[in-house]
Amino acid sequence: MEINKSESVSKSSLSMESPKDVGRPTGRFCNSKTSDRFEFSKIVFIILCAVTMGVTLYSMLLMWKTDNVGPLTYLIPSVYTAFATGTGFYFDKAKKENFIKLRSIYGDEMMDKVKGDS
């Protein structure tokens, strides 16, 4: 690939990444050993999982201590609705990111064929 010196070329267009390194995140939350980054959506998803488990365990403990199953009608459905919504958006985002990553590896023609088949 010849580069004209008068043209400004970004570093990202010249990087020689192997297919497994395409889309490899770098940034603030990188682990130096694995170089994997926790994206904001992943952090939100982890917090949502922790809150869901916490509310569920707290409700179970409270129902055991008070012998009242009233919290099941309000707490549990609201928390699991938020969890289901967050899970759906997270997996939809992951699907789109994987499509973009695979398109950069295999090219537009191949991905158009795959997208047309489904």
N, C-alpha and C. Protein backbone atom coordinates (compact mmCIF):
# COMPACT_ATOMS: atom_id res chain seq x y z
N MET A 1 0.85 -1.17 0.00
CA MET A 1 0.00 0.00 0.00
C MET A 1 0.90 1.23 0.00
N GLU A 2 0.74 2.06 -1.02
CA GLU A 2 1.53 3.27 -1.11
C GLU A 2 0.76 4.42 -0.49
N ILE A 3 1.49 5.25 0.23
CA ILE A 3 0.87 6.37 0.91
C ILE A 3 1.45 7.65 0.36
N ASN A 4 0.59 8.52 -0.09
CA ASN A 4 1.01 9.82 -0.55
C ASN A 4 1.24 10.68 0.68
N LYS A 5 2.42 11.31 0.77
CA LYS A 5 2.75 12.08 1.97
C LYS A 5 1.86 13.29 2.15
N SER A 6 1.27 13.78 1.07
CA SER A 6 0.41 14.96 1.19
C SER A 6 -0.94 14.61 1.80
N GLU A 7 -1.32 13.33 1.74
CA GLU A 7 -2.58 12.92 2.32
C GLU A 7 -2.42 12.71 3.82
N SER A 8 -3.43 13.06 4.55
CA SER A 8 -3.39 12.76 5.98
C SER A 8 -4.07 11.42 6.20
N VAL A 9 -3.36 10.51 6.79
CA VAL A 9 -3.86 9.16 7.01
C VAL A 9 -3.88 8.93 8.51
N SER A 10 -5.02 8.46 9.00
CA SER A 10 -5.12 8.21 10.43
C SER A 10 -4.37 6.94 10.78
N LYS A 11 -3.95 6.85 12.03
CA LYS A 11 -3.23 5.67 12.50
C LYS A 11 -4.10 4.42 12.44
N SER A 12 -5.40 4.58 12.67
CA SER A 12 -6.28 3.41 12.69
C SER A 12 -6.40 2.76 11.33
N SER A 13 -6.27 3.54 10.26
CA SER A 13 -6.37 2.95 8.93
C SER A 13 -5.09 2.23 8.54
N LEU A 14 -3.98 2.52 9.20
CA LEU A 14 -2.72 1.86 8.89
C LEU A 14 -2.38 0.72 9.83
N SER A 15 -3.16 0.54 10.87
CA SER A 15 -2.81 -0.50 11.84
C SER A 15 -2.98 -1.87 11.22
N MET A 16 -2.05 -2.73 11.49
CA MET A 16 -2.07 -4.08 10.95
C MET A 16 -2.54 -5.02 12.05
N GLU A 17 -3.83 -5.04 12.28
CA GLU A 17 -4.38 -5.88 13.33
C GLU A 17 -4.75 -7.23 12.76
N SER A 18 -4.53 -8.25 13.54
CA SER A 18 -4.99 -9.56 13.13
C SER A 18 -6.50 -9.63 13.37
N PRO A 19 -7.21 -10.57 12.72
CA PRO A 19 -8.66 -10.63 12.90
C PRO A 19 -9.10 -10.78 14.35
N LYS A 20 -8.30 -11.44 15.18
CA LYS A 20 -8.72 -11.59 16.57
C LYS A 20 -8.53 -10.30 17.37
N ASP A 21 -7.72 -9.36 16.85
CA ASP A 21 -7.49 -8.10 17.55
C ASP A 21 -8.41 -6.98 17.08
N VAL A 22 -9.19 -7.22 16.03
CA VAL A 22 -10.08 -6.18 15.53
C VAL A 22 -11.13 -5.89 16.58
N GLY A 23 -11.29 -4.63 16.88
CA GLY A 23 -12.28 -4.24 17.87
C GLY A 23 -11.84 -4.46 19.30
N ARG A 24 -10.57 -4.80 19.52
CA ARG A 24 -10.06 -5.01 20.87
C ARG A 24 -10.10 -3.69 21.61
N PRO A 25 -10.81 -3.61 22.70
CA PRO A 25 -10.96 -2.34 23.39
C PRO A 25 -9.68 -1.93 24.13
N THR A 26 -9.48 -0.65 24.16
CA THR A 26 -8.41 -0.08 24.97
C THR A 26 -9.01 1.09 25.71
N GLY A 27 -8.48 1.40 26.83
CA GLY A 27 -9.02 2.54 27.54
C GLY A 27 -8.90 2.44 29.03
N ARG A 28 -9.79 3.13 29.69
CA ARG A 28 -9.71 3.35 31.12
C ARG A 28 -9.86 2.08 31.94
N PHE A 29 -10.71 1.17 31.55
CA PHE A 29 -10.97 0.00 32.35
C PHE A 29 -10.23 -1.23 31.84
N CYS A 30 -9.07 -1.03 31.22
CA CYS A 30 -8.32 -2.16 30.66
C CYS A 30 -7.59 -2.91 31.75
N ASN A 31 -7.59 -4.20 31.62
CA ASN A 31 -6.78 -5.05 32.46
C ASN A 31 -5.49 -5.31 31.69
N SER A 32 -4.35 -5.01 32.26
CA SER A 32 -3.11 -5.12 31.53
C SER A 32 -2.79 -6.55 31.13
N LYS A 33 -3.29 -7.54 31.87
CA LYS A 33 -2.99 -8.93 31.55
C LYS A 33 -3.79 -9.42 30.35
N THR A 34 -5.08 -9.10 30.30
CA THR A 34 -5.92 -9.60 29.22
C THR A 34 -6.30 -8.52 28.22
N SER A 35 -6.08 -7.28 28.53
CA SER A 35 -6.43 -6.12 27.73
C SER A 35 -7.92 -6.10 27.36
N ASP A 36 -8.76 -6.65 28.21
CA ASP A 36 -10.20 -6.55 28.02
C ASP A 36 -10.72 -5.39 28.84
N ARG A 37 -11.65 -4.65 28.26
CA ARG A 37 -12.18 -3.47 28.94
C ARG A 37 -13.63 -3.71 29.32
N PHE A 38 -14.01 -3.24 30.48
CA PHE A 38 -15.41 -3.26 30.86
C PHE A 38 -16.06 -2.02 30.28
N GLU A 39 -16.95 -2.22 29.33
CA GLU A 39 -17.65 -1.10 28.74
C GLU A 39 -18.74 -0.63 29.70
N PHE A 40 -19.26 0.56 29.44
CA PHE A 40 -20.28 1.13 30.33
C PHE A 40 -21.50 0.24 30.41
N SER A 41 -21.93 -0.31 29.27
CA SER A 41 -23.12 -1.16 29.29
C SER A 41 -22.89 -2.43 30.09
N LYS A 42 -21.67 -2.94 30.06
CA LYS A 42 -21.36 -4.14 30.84
C LYS A 42 -21.36 -3.81 32.34
N ILE A 43 -20.87 -2.64 32.70
CA ILE A 43 -20.88 -2.22 34.10
C ILE A 43 -22.32 -2.06 34.58
N VAL A 44 -23.17 -1.44 33.76
CA VAL A 44 -24.58 -1.27 34.12
C VAL A 44 -25.24 -2.63 34.27
N PHE A 45 -24.94 -3.57 33.36
CA PHE A 45 -25.53 -4.90 33.42
C PHE A 45 -25.10 -5.64 34.68
N ILE A 46 -23.85 -5.53 35.06
CA ILE A 46 -23.35 -6.18 36.27
C ILE A 46 -24.01 -5.59 37.51
N ILE A 47 -24.15 -4.26 37.54
CA ILE A 47 -24.81 -3.61 38.68
C ILE A 47 -26.28 -4.04 38.75
N LEU A 48 -26.92 -4.12 37.58
CA LEU A 48 -28.33 -4.55 37.54
C LEU A 48 -28.48 -5.98 38.04
N CYS A 49 -27.55 -6.86 37.67
CA CYS A 49 -27.59 -8.24 38.18
C CYS A 49 -27.41 -8.27 39.70
N ALA A 50 -26.48 -7.46 40.20
CA ALA A 50 -26.23 -7.43 41.64
C ALA A 50 -27.44 -6.89 42.40
N VAL A 51 -28.06 -5.83 41.88
CA VAL A 51 -29.24 -5.27 42.54
C VAL A 51 -30.39 -6.28 42.54
N THR A 52 -30.56 -6.97 41.41
CA THR A 52 -31.63 -7.97 41.32
C THR A 52 -31.41 -9.09 42.34
N MET A 53 -30.21 -9.59 42.41
CA MET A 53 -29.91 -10.65 43.38
C MET A 53 -30.06 -10.14 44.81
N GLY A 54 -29.61 -8.92 45.08
CA GLY A 54 -29.72 -8.35 46.41
C GLY A 54 -31.16 -8.18 46.86
N VAL A 55 -31.99 -7.64 45.96
CA VAL A 55 -33.41 -7.45 46.32
C VAL A 55 -34.09 -8.80 46.50
N THR A 56 -33.76 -9.77 45.66
CA THR A 56 -34.36 -11.10 45.79
C THR A 56 -33.98 -11.74 47.12
N LEU A 57 -32.70 -11.71 47.46
CA LEU A 57 -32.26 -12.31 48.72
C LEU A 57 -32.83 -11.56 49.94
N TYR A 58 -32.87 -10.24 49.86
CA TYR A 58 -33.43 -9.45 50.95
C TYR A 58 -34.92 -9.76 51.12
N SER A 59 -35.63 -9.88 50.00
CA SER A 59 -37.06 -10.21 50.08
C SER A 59 -37.27 -11.58 50.68
N MET A 60 -36.43 -12.53 50.27
CA MET A 60 -36.55 -13.89 50.84
C MET A 60 -36.29 -13.88 52.33
N LEU A 61 -35.28 -13.15 52.77
CA LEU A 61 -34.96 -13.06 54.18
C LEU A 61 -36.08 -12.38 54.95
N LEU A 62 -36.59 -11.30 54.40
CA LEU A 62 -37.66 -10.57 55.07
C LEU A 62 -38.94 -11.41 55.15
N MET A 63 -39.25 -12.14 54.09
CA MET A 63 -40.44 -13.00 54.12
C MET A 63 -40.28 -14.14 55.11
N TRP A 64 -39.08 -14.66 55.25
CA TRP A 64 -38.83 -15.73 56.21
C TRP A 64 -38.96 -15.23 57.64
N LYS A 65 -38.43 -14.02 57.90
CA LYS A 65 -38.49 -13.47 59.25
C LYS A 65 -39.91 -13.05 59.64
N THR A 66 -40.66 -12.46 58.70
CA THR A 66 -41.97 -11.90 59.05
C THR A 66 -43.14 -12.82 58.71
N ASP A 67 -42.88 -13.92 58.02
CA ASP A 67 -43.94 -14.82 57.56
C ASP A 67 -45.01 -14.09 56.75
N ASN A 68 -44.56 -13.16 55.91
CA ASN A 68 -45.46 -12.38 55.07
C ASN A 68 -44.91 -12.41 53.65
N VAL A 69 -45.75 -12.79 52.69
CA VAL A 69 -45.30 -12.85 51.30
C VAL A 69 -45.77 -11.62 50.51
N GLY A 70 -46.13 -10.57 51.17
CA GLY A 70 -46.57 -9.34 50.52
C GLY A 70 -45.54 -8.72 49.58
N PRO A 71 -44.25 -8.73 49.93
CA PRO A 71 -43.26 -8.13 49.03
C PRO A 71 -43.18 -8.79 47.66
N LEU A 72 -43.66 -10.04 47.57
CA LEU A 72 -43.61 -10.71 46.27
C LEU A 72 -44.47 -10.00 45.22
N THR A 73 -45.52 -9.36 45.65
CA THR A 73 -46.43 -8.73 44.69
C THR A 73 -45.91 -7.41 44.14
N TYR A 74 -44.95 -6.77 44.82
CA TYR A 74 -44.47 -5.45 44.39
C TYR A 74 -42.98 -5.43 44.08
N LEU A 75 -42.17 -5.90 45.00
CA LEU A 75 -40.72 -5.80 44.84
C LEU A 75 -40.18 -6.68 43.72
N ILE A 76 -40.49 -7.93 43.76
CA ILE A 76 -39.91 -8.88 42.83
C ILE A 76 -40.29 -8.57 41.37
N PRO A 77 -41.57 -8.34 41.04
CA PRO A 77 -41.89 -8.05 39.64
C PRO A 77 -41.23 -6.78 39.11
N SER A 78 -41.14 -5.75 39.95
CA SER A 78 -40.52 -4.51 39.47
C SER A 78 -39.03 -4.69 39.21
N VAL A 79 -38.36 -5.40 40.09
CA VAL A 79 -36.93 -5.61 39.92
C VAL A 79 -36.65 -6.50 38.70
N TYR A 80 -37.43 -7.56 38.54
CA TYR A 80 -37.21 -8.46 37.42
C TYR A 80 -37.64 -7.84 36.09
N THR A 81 -38.57 -6.89 36.10
CA THR A 81 -38.90 -6.16 34.88
C THR A 81 -37.73 -5.31 34.45
N ALA A 82 -37.12 -4.61 35.39
CA ALA A 82 -35.93 -3.82 35.07
C ALA A 82 -34.79 -4.72 34.59
N PHE A 83 -34.63 -5.88 35.22
CA PHE A 83 -33.58 -6.81 34.83
C PHE A 83 -33.82 -7.35 33.42
N ALA A 84 -35.06 -7.69 33.10
CA ALA A 84 -35.37 -8.21 31.76
C ALA A 84 -35.16 -7.14 30.69
N THR A 85 -35.54 -5.91 30.98
CA THR A 85 -35.36 -4.83 30.03
C THR A 85 -33.87 -4.56 29.81
N GLY A 86 -33.10 -4.49 30.87
CA GLY A 86 -31.66 -4.28 30.75
C GLY A 86 -30.97 -5.41 30.01
N THR A 87 -31.38 -6.64 30.27
CA THR A 87 -30.81 -7.79 29.58
C THR A 87 -31.10 -7.74 28.08
N GLY A 88 -32.34 -7.39 27.73
CA GLY A 88 -32.70 -7.29 26.32
C GLY A 88 -31.89 -6.24 25.59
N PHE A 89 -31.76 -5.06 26.16
CA PHE A 89 -30.98 -4.00 25.53
C PHE A 89 -29.51 -4.36 25.46
N TYR A 90 -28.99 -5.01 26.50
CA TYR A 90 -27.58 -5.39 26.50
C TYR A 90 -27.28 -6.40 25.39
N PHE A 91 -28.14 -7.42 25.24
CA PHE A 91 -27.90 -8.42 24.20
C PHE A 91 -28.11 -7.85 22.81
N ASP A 92 -29.03 -6.91 22.66
CA ASP A 92 -29.22 -6.26 21.37
C ASP A 92 -27.98 -5.44 20.99
N LYS A 93 -27.42 -4.76 21.96
CA LYS A 93 -26.19 -3.98 21.72
C LYS A 93 -25.03 -4.90 21.36
N ALA A 94 -24.93 -6.02 22.05
CA ALA A 94 -23.86 -6.98 21.76
C ALA A 94 -24.01 -7.56 20.36
N LYS A 95 -25.25 -7.81 19.93
CA LYS A 95 -25.49 -8.33 18.59
C LYS A 95 -25.02 -7.32 17.54
N LYS A 96 -25.33 -6.06 17.74
CA LYS A 96 -24.92 -5.02 16.78
C LYS A 96 -23.41 -4.86 16.76
N GLU A 97 -22.77 -4.90 17.94
CA GLU A 97 -21.31 -4.78 17.99
C GLU A 97 -20.64 -5.96 17.29
N ASN A 98 -21.16 -7.17 17.49
CA ASN A 98 -20.59 -8.33 16.82
C ASN A 98 -20.76 -8.25 15.32
N PHE A 99 -21.89 -7.74 14.85
CA PHE A 99 -22.11 -7.58 13.42
C PHE A 99 -21.09 -6.60 12.84
N ILE A 100 -20.85 -5.50 13.54
CA ILE A 100 -19.87 -4.51 13.06
C ILE A 100 -18.47 -5.11 13.05
N LYS A 101 -18.13 -5.86 14.09
CA LYS A 101 -16.81 -6.49 14.16
C LYS A 101 -16.63 -7.51 13.04
N LEU A 102 -17.63 -8.34 12.80
CA LEU A 102 -17.53 -9.34 11.74
C LEU A 102 -17.51 -8.71 10.36
N ARG A 103 -18.22 -7.60 10.19
CA ARG A 103 -18.19 -6.90 8.91
C ARG A 103 -16.80 -6.35 8.64
N SER A 104 -16.11 -5.87 9.69
CA SER A 104 -14.76 -5.36 9.48
C SER A 104 -13.78 -6.48 9.16
N ILE A 105 -14.07 -7.69 9.62
CA ILE A 105 -13.19 -8.83 9.34
C ILE A 105 -13.47 -9.41 7.96
N TYR A 106 -14.74 -9.67 7.65
CA TYR A 106 -15.09 -10.40 6.43
C TYR A 106 -15.50 -9.51 5.27
N GLY A 107 -15.77 -8.26 5.50
CA GLY A 107 -16.15 -7.36 4.42
C GLY A 107 -17.65 -7.23 4.27
N ASP A 108 -18.04 -6.20 3.50
CA ASP A 108 -19.45 -5.89 3.35
C ASP A 108 -20.21 -6.91 2.52
N GLU A 109 -19.57 -7.45 1.47
CA GLU A 109 -20.29 -8.38 0.59
C GLU A 109 -20.73 -9.63 1.35
N MET A 110 -19.83 -10.20 2.14
CA MET A 110 -20.14 -11.42 2.88
C MET A 110 -21.23 -11.16 3.92
N MET A 111 -21.17 -10.03 4.60
CA MET A 111 -22.15 -9.74 5.62
C MET A 111 -23.51 -9.43 5.02
N ASP A 112 -23.54 -8.83 3.80
CA ASP A 112 -24.82 -8.61 3.14
C ASP A 112 -25.46 -9.94 2.77
N LYS A 113 -24.66 -10.93 2.38
CA LYS A 113 -25.20 -12.24 2.08
C LYS A 113 -25.78 -12.89 3.34
N VAL A 114 -25.06 -12.78 4.43
CA VAL A 114 -25.51 -13.38 5.68
C VAL A 114 -26.76 -12.67 6.18
N LYS A 115 -26.78 -11.36 6.11
CA LYS A 115 -27.94 -10.60 6.58
C LYS A 115 -29.16 -10.87 5.70
N GLY A 116 -28.93 -11.08 4.43
CA GLY A 116 -30.04 -11.37 3.53
C GLY A 116 -30.64 -12.75 3.74
N ASP A 117 -29.84 -13.70 4.24
CA ASP A 117 -30.31 -15.07 4.46
C ASP A 117 -31.26 -15.17 5.64
N SER A 118 -31.08 -14.30 6.63
CA SER A 118 -31.91 -14.45 7.85
C SER A 118 -33.17 -13.65 7.79
